[in-house]
Amino acid sequence: MRILVTGAAGFIGSHVAERLTRIGHEVVGIDCLTDYYDCALKEANAADIAEAGVKLLRLDLAADDLAAAVSGAEVVIHLAAQPGISATTPFAVYERNNLLATWRLLEAVRSGAGATIRGFINASTSSVYGAHATDNEETPPKPTSYYGVTKLAAEQLVLSYQRELGLPACSLRLFSVFGPRERPEKLYPRLIRCILEDKEFPLFDGAEKHSRSFTYVGDIVDGFVAALSRLDRIAGEIINIGTDVEITTARGIEIVEQVIGRKARLARQPRRGGDQIRTCADIAKARRLLDYEPATRTEDGLRTEVEWFRQRIPGRA
């Protein structure tokens, strides 16, 4: 199939684009390589997916003409977004990059790929559930951050096109993804860097007690691949993709320390607003509809991420 992947130079998008190309799909990626974090990291990802055979278009979903990009696409996988919980990122940026960008992409697909489109897979997030993301997809969302609010709005916008216009769309809510190419401000890349460079690791007050269903990026990609083979079955659905095994942040730090063989030097920081207290993916629906089963232990995934960091980051960051 001809598949368009947005956010293809990002963390998850690069893995999805790379895997789909390697299993035989024709993949076109879109990314505008924003400066939310070091563009050198995204350039490295772009080089990796180009080597795999992905054609990358440098376009801004919220501003550029998307007609040529969506033309002939059979499936769109929408991963581009303004991520994270940042006190320095204004709401308008989340609104632009999560909501406006999604609307413009949907409009481009509706007008330019209507004859060929077989599926629109939206990447959503467990952040839409709010501080406690432990229940199934029928649970009323209660987001606590600009990110969660705008991702929920974007998800409902996508599904409105399914309900009103018949676009074969679905939404996958992703839980606490980690692995190689992870964004540098996230827990594990920051922790790994601090330990390897013998720097203090800033730990938000109370965060060590937070519990997460940390999901290895390869297992997340498995969810997207499974969705591709069941597009008709999952149109209009919201599906949690993650693991139902959870660990505390303190345990995650301990695992990284064991892998590297060195203790972290923790520096306490004030509590961060909007953070999630607990996530544990209820994946009964994913198991039923997608035969989805995450297989990577946190310990194994973190070992892979540490090794990737050691090999790739020093000369790239």
Foldseek 3Di string as FASTA:
>chain_A
DEEEEEPCLADLNLVLLLVCLVVPYAYEYEAQQDVPDDSLLSVVSVVVSVVSPYHYDNDQLLDDDCQVVLAQHQEYEYDWADDDFDPPDDLVRRCRRQPSSLVSVVVSCVPRVVVRYLEYEYEAALQQQFQEREDFPVDHGDHFGSNNVSSVNSQVVQLVCCVPVVHLYEYEHEFQEDFARHGCVDDQNVLLVCFVVVHAREDEPPQQQAKGQYFYSVLVSLLVVLCVVQSVVRRSYYFYGTAQDMDGNNVLQVLLCVLVVHHHHYDYDYHRGRHHRYHGDPHPVCCVRRVRDGDDDSSRRSNNRSVSCVVPPPVRD
